[in-house]
Amino acid sequence: MSNIVDFLESFLPGFILALLVIIISAVVFPFVARRILGFMGDRLGPNRVGPQGLLQPFADFLKLFIKEDITPSQSHRLLFILAPAVALVTPMLTQVVIPFSEDYTLADLNIGLIYIVAVGAFSVLGMLIAGWASNNKYSLLGGLRSAAQMISYEIPLILTIMVVALLTGSLSLNKVVGAQGSVWFAAVQPLAFIIYAIAGVAELNRTPFDLPEAESELVSGYITEYSGMRFAFLYGLVEWGNVTVWAMAGSTLFLGGWRGPFGNSSAWLALKVIAMVLVIIWFWATFPRLQIDQLMAFAWKVLIPLSLVNLAATSLFILIWPDNFLLPTAILSWSLIAIFIAFFPSVVRKILLHNRYKFLASRRMTTMISGTGKGGIRS
């Protein structure tokens, strides 16, 4: 009996904290995103319910709560119901190893970095189950796209986390934060930080990598058949919970976690998380959606080679200068960033748009030969 009590005393506070983080993110961030997107799109956004629209999240919750919850007759009922719960596992479990402050971590595992990779890879399972169980071709395509997308972008993400492990000499996230006492890893390894951000956005299925939910092609992807509170569960708790946990992990790995320029506190971690989520919203309002072939090409032809070069060079510097490897590592990473920025337009044109240009050129030639195009050769 005492063992059960001890387990509950250690489990319940952590469970409640992790759940509160997800609930708060599901309430706050969608509203903030709508207001910011409204501002960037030269419109108002939600501003009618309550002062400045602050009660809009509660109105949305009430609307979804009383909305009819429909289960498709030809769906796999059990898996259709379980899919949202399976998808919620990732944002809940990932928080276990995140250091919330200097003195509080739910579980200080000495393999925290491996744990994040393993649990993060589990996120696609809920989406794949939701897409397959819906018995809808749009939902299934959304789930399959999510799986293919995650497999592609998981590789540069893992290679980037390996760089952090090399810089720290440990797999513990507490030691990762401790190693950033003098300088954040984002300054030492800006290339790794950028790759982490891009690969993370792709795994989160956010713009410009939101192909699993591309409304112009797949209605709403794997969420198409979900309504009412199940839709709220997937969109609010799972999607925005994953965004928040991604920001928490990125802040811990590259931005010093709870460390700040003026003292150390959990507030610094919260501010960094908010900043990274705002970057996600900024991407949402700025970039157009990639096509599926462009998305895969960018991962395999750009991000993975850059990640491999960065990892190999960092390993070499640590081997040659085991006590003073930060400076040459920073010089290399910033140099690669400069080269990447300089050649990015031509790389994008070559890798992402080359096939599109070839397709349009061949189509134009076919039209001219068939005599149906304007000014074409008539047979």
Protein backbone atom coordinates (compact mmCIF):
# COMPACT_ATOMS: atom_id res chain seq x y z
CA MET A 1 0.00 0.00 0.00
CA SER A 2 2.81 2.39 0.85
CA ASN A 3 4.43 1.70 -2.53
CA ILE A 4 1.21 2.71 -4.29
CA VAL A 5 1.01 5.90 -2.22
CA ASP A 6 4.64 6.76 -2.97
CA PHE A 7 4.03 6.13 -6.66
CA LEU A 8 0.97 8.37 -6.72
CA GLU A 9 2.79 11.12 -4.81
CA SER A 10 5.56 11.13 -7.41
CA PHE A 11 3.36 10.49 -10.47
CA LEU A 12 0.36 12.75 -9.96
CA PRO A 13 2.20 16.12 -9.66
CA GLY A 14 4.18 15.42 -12.82
CA PHE A 15 1.11 14.22 -14.69
CA ILE A 16 -0.88 17.29 -13.66
CA LEU A 17 1.97 19.65 -14.62
CA ALA A 18 2.42 18.05 -18.06
CA LEU A 19 -1.33 18.15 -18.68
CA LEU A 20 -1.58 21.79 -17.57
CA VAL A 21 1.20 22.80 -19.97
CA ILE A 22 -0.68 21.19 -22.86
CA ILE A 23 -4.07 22.63 -21.86
CA ILE A 24 -2.68 26.15 -21.47
CA SER A 25 -0.95 25.93 -24.83
CA ALA A 26 -4.18 24.67 -26.45
CA VAL A 27 -6.11 27.64 -25.01
CA VAL A 28 -3.58 30.43 -25.50
CA PHE A 29 -1.60 29.72 -28.65
CA PRO A 30 -4.49 29.20 -31.14
CA PHE A 31 -5.98 32.54 -30.05
CA VAL A 32 -2.59 34.27 -30.28
CA ALA A 33 -2.03 32.71 -33.69
CA ARG A 34 -5.38 33.97 -35.00
CA ARG A 35 -4.72 37.49 -33.75
CA ILE A 36 -1.21 37.60 -35.18
CA LEU A 37 -2.33 36.11 -38.49
CA GLY A 38 -5.07 38.71 -38.61
CA PHE A 39 -2.54 41.49 -38.03
CA MET A 40 -0.15 40.12 -40.66
CA GLY A 41 -3.02 39.70 -43.11
CA ASP A 42 -4.29 43.27 -42.54
CA ARG A 43 -7.50 42.14 -40.82
CA LEU A 44 -8.81 42.11 -37.28
CA GLY A 45 -8.96 38.50 -36.18
CA PRO A 46 -11.21 37.40 -33.29
CA ASN A 47 -12.07 40.49 -31.23
CA ARG A 48 -15.81 40.24 -30.42
CA VAL A 49 -16.11 37.74 -27.56
CA GLY A 50 -14.94 39.50 -24.43
CA PRO A 51 -12.48 42.41 -24.23
CA GLN A 52 -10.23 42.24 -27.32
CA GLY A 53 -11.65 38.78 -28.01
CA LEU A 54 -9.97 37.23 -24.96
CA LEU A 55 -12.94 34.94 -24.31
CA GLN A 56 -12.86 33.51 -27.84
CA PRO A 57 -11.08 30.28 -26.77
CA PHE A 58 -13.86 29.56 -24.27
CA ALA A 59 -16.51 30.23 -26.93
CA ASP A 60 -14.71 27.82 -29.27
CA PHE A 61 -14.56 25.21 -26.51
CA LEU A 62 -18.29 25.58 -25.82
CA LYS A 63 -19.11 25.30 -29.52
CA LEU A 64 -17.05 22.12 -29.93
CA PHE A 65 -18.38 20.69 -26.65
CA ILE A 66 -22.02 20.86 -27.77
CA LYS A 67 -21.28 19.92 -31.38
CA GLU A 68 -22.37 16.44 -32.46
CA ASP A 69 -19.64 13.83 -32.18
CA ILE A 70 -19.86 11.65 -35.28
CA THR A 71 -18.19 8.28 -35.81
CA PRO A 72 -18.26 7.19 -39.49
CA SER A 73 -20.27 4.00 -39.96
CA GLN A 74 -17.55 2.28 -42.03
CA SER A 75 -14.65 3.30 -39.76
CA HIS A 76 -12.74 1.04 -37.38
CA ARG A 77 -14.60 2.25 -34.32
CA LEU A 78 -12.11 1.24 -31.61
CA LEU A 79 -9.03 2.65 -33.34
CA PHE A 80 -10.95 5.75 -34.43
CA ILE A 81 -11.74 6.48 -30.78
CA LEU A 82 -8.25 5.59 -29.49
CA ALA A 83 -6.23 7.56 -32.07
CA PRO A 84 -6.47 10.98 -30.32
CA ALA A 85 -5.38 9.42 -27.02
CA VAL A 86 -2.43 7.69 -28.72
CA ALA A 87 -1.42 10.99 -30.34
CA LEU A 88 -1.46 12.74 -26.94
CA VAL A 89 1.21 10.37 -25.60
CA THR A 90 4.08 12.27 -27.25
CA PRO A 91 3.53 15.77 -25.78
CA MET A 92 2.80 14.23 -22.38
CA LEU A 93 5.79 11.90 -22.18
CA THR A 94 8.34 14.26 -23.73
CA GLN A 95 7.98 16.65 -20.81
CA VAL A 96 9.25 13.98 -18.42
CA VAL A 97 12.92 14.79 -19.14
CA ILE A 98 12.62 18.57 -19.74
CA PRO A 99 14.32 20.56 -16.93
CA PHE A 100 11.69 23.10 -15.85
CA SER A 101 14.13 24.80 -13.48
CA GLU A 102 17.48 24.24 -11.82
CA ASP A 103 15.89 22.11 -9.12
CA TYR A 104 12.91 20.49 -10.84
CA THR A 105 12.83 17.82 -13.53
CA LEU A 106 10.15 15.16 -13.60
CA ALA A 107 12.78 12.48 -14.34
CA ASP A 108 16.47 13.28 -14.81
CA LEU A 109 17.32 10.40 -17.10
CA ASN A 110 20.94 9.96 -18.12
CA ILE A 111 19.68 9.10 -21.62
CA GLY A 112 17.36 12.11 -21.96
CA LEU A 113 18.40 12.91 -25.53
CA ILE A 114 17.71 9.34 -26.70
CA TYR A 115 14.41 9.44 -24.82
CA ILE A 116 13.31 12.60 -26.68
CA VAL A 117 14.13 11.03 -30.05
CA ALA A 118 12.31 7.79 -29.19
CA VAL A 119 9.17 9.44 -27.82
CA GLY A 120 9.12 12.06 -30.60
CA ALA A 121 9.14 9.32 -33.23
CA PHE A 122 6.04 7.88 -31.58
CA SER A 123 3.97 10.97 -32.49
CA VAL A 124 3.25 9.81 -36.03
CA LEU A 125 1.53 6.65 -34.81
CA GLY A 126 -1.59 8.48 -33.62
CA MET A 127 -1.89 10.34 -36.95
CA LEU A 128 -1.43 7.16 -38.95
CA ILE A 129 -4.03 5.31 -36.86
CA ALA A 130 -6.48 8.23 -37.20
CA GLY A 131 -6.03 8.30 -40.98
CA TRP A 132 -6.40 4.54 -41.43
CA ALA A 133 -9.26 4.06 -38.94
CA SER A 134 -11.35 6.81 -40.59
CA ASN A 135 -11.77 4.67 -43.74
CA ASN A 136 -11.48 7.82 -45.83
CA LYS A 137 -9.02 8.20 -48.68
CA TYR A 138 -8.20 11.80 -47.75
CA SER A 139 -7.59 10.84 -44.13
CA LEU A 140 -5.45 7.86 -45.16
CA LEU A 141 -3.34 9.99 -47.51
CA GLY A 142 -2.86 12.53 -44.72
CA GLY A 143 -1.66 9.82 -42.34
CA LEU A 144 0.69 8.32 -44.93
CA ARG A 145 2.09 11.72 -45.77
CA SER A 146 2.72 12.35 -42.09
CA ALA A 147 4.61 9.05 -41.78
CA ALA A 148 6.75 9.69 -44.87
CA GLN A 149 7.42 13.25 -43.74
CA MET A 150 8.47 12.17 -40.26
CA ILE A 151 10.81 9.43 -41.54
CA SER A 152 12.54 11.92 -43.84
CA TYR A 153 12.97 14.77 -41.35
CA GLU A 154 13.69 12.56 -38.33
CA ILE A 155 17.15 11.84 -39.78
CA PRO A 156 18.49 15.44 -39.78
CA LEU A 157 16.79 15.98 -36.42
CA ILE A 158 18.65 13.03 -34.88
CA LEU A 159 21.95 14.11 -36.45
CA THR A 160 21.45 17.57 -34.95
CA ILE A 161 20.74 16.16 -31.49
CA MET A 162 23.93 14.07 -31.83
CA VAL A 163 25.85 17.33 -32.28
CA VAL A 164 24.42 18.58 -28.97
CA ALA A 165 25.48 15.33 -27.31
CA LEU A 166 29.03 15.79 -28.64
CA LEU A 167 29.22 19.37 -27.38
CA THR A 168 27.94 18.35 -23.95
CA GLY A 169 29.65 14.99 -23.51
CA SER A 170 26.44 13.66 -21.97
CA LEU A 171 22.92 12.55 -22.88
CA SER A 172 21.32 14.14 -19.81
CA LEU A 173 19.27 17.27 -20.52
CA ASN A 174 20.23 18.75 -17.15
CA LYS A 175 23.88 18.50 -18.19
CA VAL A 176 23.00 19.99 -21.58
CA VAL A 177 21.59 23.07 -19.81
CA GLY A 178 24.56 23.12 -17.42
CA ALA A 179 27.00 23.13 -20.35
CA GLN A 180 25.42 26.35 -21.67
CA GLY A 181 26.38 28.45 -18.66
CA SER A 182 28.77 30.68 -20.60
CA VAL A 183 27.33 30.52 -24.12
CA TRP A 184 24.21 29.02 -25.67
CA PHE A 185 24.64 26.25 -28.21
CA ALA A 186 22.60 28.30 -30.69
CA ALA A 187 25.62 30.66 -30.87
CA VAL A 188 28.12 27.81 -31.11
CA GLN A 189 26.08 25.72 -33.55
CA PRO A 190 23.66 28.04 -35.40
CA LEU A 191 23.48 25.60 -38.31
CA ALA A 192 22.37 22.80 -36.00
CA PHE A 193 19.79 25.11 -34.45
CA ILE A 194 18.37 26.09 -37.85
CA ILE A 195 18.25 22.45 -38.99
CA TYR A 196 16.49 21.52 -35.73
CA ALA A 197 13.95 24.29 -36.30
CA ILE A 198 13.24 23.31 -39.93
CA ALA A 199 13.07 19.57 -39.23
CA GLY A 200 10.91 20.21 -36.17
CA VAL A 201 8.44 22.32 -38.13
CA ALA A 202 8.23 19.52 -40.69
CA GLU A 203 7.57 16.89 -38.00
CA LEU A 204 4.93 19.15 -36.46
CA ASN A 205 3.18 19.37 -39.85
CA ARG A 206 3.16 23.15 -39.69
CA THR A 207 3.44 25.57 -42.62
CA PRO A 208 5.22 25.28 -45.04
CA PHE A 209 5.29 21.53 -44.34
CA ASP A 210 1.59 21.05 -43.53
CA LEU A 211 0.98 18.50 -46.29
CA PRO A 212 -0.78 15.95 -44.03
CA GLU A 213 -3.55 18.55 -43.52
CA ALA A 214 -3.39 20.33 -46.87
CA GLU A 215 -6.95 21.61 -47.11
CA SER A 216 -6.67 22.36 -50.84
CA GLU A 217 -5.84 18.68 -51.48
CA LEU A 218 -6.99 16.53 -48.54
CA VAL A 219 -9.82 18.52 -46.89
CA SER A 220 -8.22 18.30 -43.42
CA GLY A 221 -6.08 15.21 -43.82
CA TYR A 222 -6.18 12.71 -41.00
CA ILE A 223 -8.54 14.98 -38.99
CA THR A 224 -11.19 15.09 -41.74
CA GLU A 225 -13.64 12.66 -40.11
CA TYR A 226 -13.24 13.97 -36.57
CA SER A 227 -15.74 16.40 -35.09
CA GLY A 228 -16.73 17.89 -31.76
CA MET A 229 -14.42 17.29 -28.83
CA ARG A 230 -12.35 14.73 -30.71
CA PHE A 231 -11.45 17.40 -33.24
CA ALA A 232 -10.65 19.78 -30.36
CA PHE A 233 -8.52 17.05 -28.81
CA LEU A 234 -6.47 16.50 -31.97
CA TYR A 235 -6.19 20.13 -33.06
CA GLY A 236 -5.84 21.80 -29.67
CA LEU A 237 -4.21 19.41 -27.23
CA VAL A 238 -2.19 17.28 -29.64
CA GLU A 239 -1.08 19.71 -32.36
CA TRP A 240 -0.43 22.74 -30.18
CA GLY A 241 0.84 20.50 -27.39
CA ASN A 242 3.43 19.10 -29.80
CA VAL A 243 4.38 22.63 -30.86
CA THR A 244 4.89 23.64 -27.23
CA VAL A 245 6.94 20.56 -26.38
CA TRP A 246 9.08 21.07 -29.52
CA ALA A 247 9.75 24.63 -28.34
CA MET A 248 10.59 23.38 -24.84
CA ALA A 249 13.06 20.84 -26.23
CA GLY A 250 14.63 23.41 -28.59
CA SER A 251 14.98 25.95 -25.78
CA THR A 252 16.66 23.31 -23.61
CA LEU A 253 19.02 22.05 -26.32
CA PHE A 254 20.09 25.35 -27.90
CA LEU A 255 18.91 28.34 -25.84
CA GLY A 256 20.07 27.45 -22.35
CA GLY A 257 16.73 26.23 -21.01
CA TRP A 258 15.95 27.92 -17.69
CA ARG A 259 19.21 29.91 -17.80
CA GLY A 260 18.85 33.61 -18.54
CA PRO A 261 21.03 36.70 -18.80
CA PHE A 262 19.64 38.00 -15.51
CA GLY A 263 19.39 35.07 -13.16
CA ASN A 264 18.01 31.56 -13.63
CA SER A 265 14.31 30.83 -13.50
CA SER A 266 11.53 28.84 -15.11
CA ALA A 267 10.29 32.16 -16.49
CA TRP A 268 13.23 32.22 -18.91
CA LEU A 269 12.22 28.82 -20.24
CA ALA A 270 8.64 30.04 -20.69
CA LEU A 271 9.80 33.17 -22.56
CA LYS A 272 11.98 31.12 -24.90
CA VAL A 273 9.13 28.71 -25.57
CA ILE A 274 6.81 31.62 -26.41
CA ALA A 275 9.44 33.09 -28.75
CA MET A 276 9.84 29.81 -30.63
CA VAL A 277 6.08 29.33 -30.94
CA LEU A 278 5.81 32.86 -32.35
CA VAL A 279 8.37 31.86 -34.98
CA ILE A 280 6.07 28.97 -35.95
CA ILE A 281 3.17 31.42 -36.32
CA TRP A 282 5.38 33.77 -38.35
CA PHE A 283 6.23 30.89 -40.72
CA TRP A 284 2.50 30.15 -40.97
CA ALA A 285 1.79 33.68 -42.21
CA THR A 286 4.80 33.93 -44.51
CA PHE A 287 5.70 30.82 -46.48
CA PRO A 288 3.68 28.97 -49.12
CA ARG A 289 3.12 25.25 -48.76
CA LEU A 290 5.67 22.98 -50.42
CA GLN A 291 4.60 20.16 -52.67
CA ILE A 292 5.27 16.58 -51.62
CA ASP A 293 8.20 16.02 -53.99
CA GLN A 294 9.76 19.33 -52.96
CA LEU A 295 9.37 18.45 -49.30
CA MET A 296 11.17 15.12 -49.72
CA ALA A 297 13.88 16.59 -51.93
CA PHE A 298 14.65 19.34 -49.41
CA ALA A 299 15.12 16.79 -46.63
CA TRP A 300 17.24 14.26 -48.53
CA LYS A 301 19.24 16.60 -50.77
CA VAL A 302 19.77 19.61 -48.50
CA LEU A 303 19.22 19.03 -44.78
CA ILE A 304 20.70 15.53 -44.44
CA PRO A 305 24.00 16.35 -46.29
CA LEU A 306 24.37 19.55 -44.23
CA SER A 307 23.70 17.63 -41.01
CA LEU A 308 26.26 14.96 -41.89
CA VAL A 309 28.94 17.52 -42.74
CA ASN A 310 28.25 19.43 -39.54
CA LEU A 311 28.34 16.29 -37.40
CA ALA A 312 31.57 15.00 -38.99
CA ALA A 313 33.33 18.38 -38.67
CA THR A 314 32.24 18.83 -35.05
CA SER A 315 33.50 15.33 -34.20
CA LEU A 316 36.82 16.09 -35.87
CA PHE A 317 37.29 19.36 -33.96
CA ILE A 318 36.50 17.67 -30.65
CA LEU A 319 39.04 14.94 -31.48
CA ILE A 320 41.77 17.43 -32.44
CA TRP A 321 41.11 20.10 -29.77
CA PRO A 322 39.35 18.27 -26.92
CA ASP A 323 39.68 21.25 -24.56
CA ASN A 324 39.09 24.15 -26.98
CA PHE A 325 36.68 22.95 -29.63
CA LEU A 326 33.92 25.55 -29.19
CA LEU A 327 35.61 28.35 -31.18
CA PRO A 328 36.53 26.32 -34.31
CA THR A 329 33.12 24.66 -34.16
CA ALA A 330 31.41 28.06 -34.05
CA ILE A 331 33.55 29.40 -36.91
CA LEU A 332 32.69 26.38 -39.08
CA SER A 333 28.98 26.52 -38.29
CA TRP A 334 28.69 30.24 -39.02
CA SER A 335 30.67 29.75 -42.25
CA LEU A 336 28.30 27.01 -43.35
CA ILE A 337 25.38 29.32 -42.53
CA ALA A 338 26.88 32.04 -44.75
CA ILE A 339 27.45 29.57 -47.59
CA PHE A 340 23.94 28.19 -47.18
CA ILE A 341 22.39 31.67 -47.37
CA ALA A 342 24.53 32.60 -50.39
CA PHE A 343 23.62 29.53 -52.39
CA PHE A 344 20.09 29.02 -51.08
CA PRO A 345 18.29 30.69 -54.05
CA SER A 346 20.16 28.61 -56.63
CA VAL A 347 19.77 25.43 -54.55
CA VAL A 348 16.03 26.01 -54.24
CA ARG A 349 15.75 26.68 -57.95
CA LYS A 350 17.76 23.56 -58.81
CA ILE A 351 16.31 21.07 -56.33
CA LEU A 352 12.80 22.29 -55.61
CA LEU A 353 11.77 23.96 -58.86
CA HIS A 354 13.81 22.17 -61.54
CA ASN A 355 11.39 19.26 -61.96
CA ARG A 356 8.45 21.68 -61.93
CA TYR A 357 10.01 23.71 -64.75
CA LYS A 358 10.70 20.54 -66.75
CA PHE A 359 7.10 19.42 -66.29
CA LEU A 360 5.71 22.78 -67.42
CA ALA A 361 8.06 22.89 -70.40
CA SER A 362 7.09 19.37 -71.53
CA ARG A 363 3.41 20.17 -71.08
CA ARG A 364 3.75 23.36 -73.13
CA MET A 365 5.55 21.45 -75.88
CA THR A 366 2.85 18.76 -75.91
CA THR A 367 0.17 21.42 -76.17
CA MET A 368 1.92 23.12 -79.08
CA ILE A 369 2.38 19.86 -80.98
CA SER A 370 -1.24 18.85 -80.49
CA GLY A 371 -2.34 22.21 -81.87
CA THR A 372 -4.60 23.08 -78.94
CA GLY A 373 -2.45 25.84 -77.46
CA LYS A 374 -2.78 29.48 -78.37
CA GLY A 375 -0.58 30.14 -81.35
CA GLY A 376 0.31 26.47 -81.56
CA ILE A 377 0.99 24.38 -84.66
CA ARG A 378 -2.33 23.13 -86.02
CA SER A 379 -2.38 19.69 -87.50
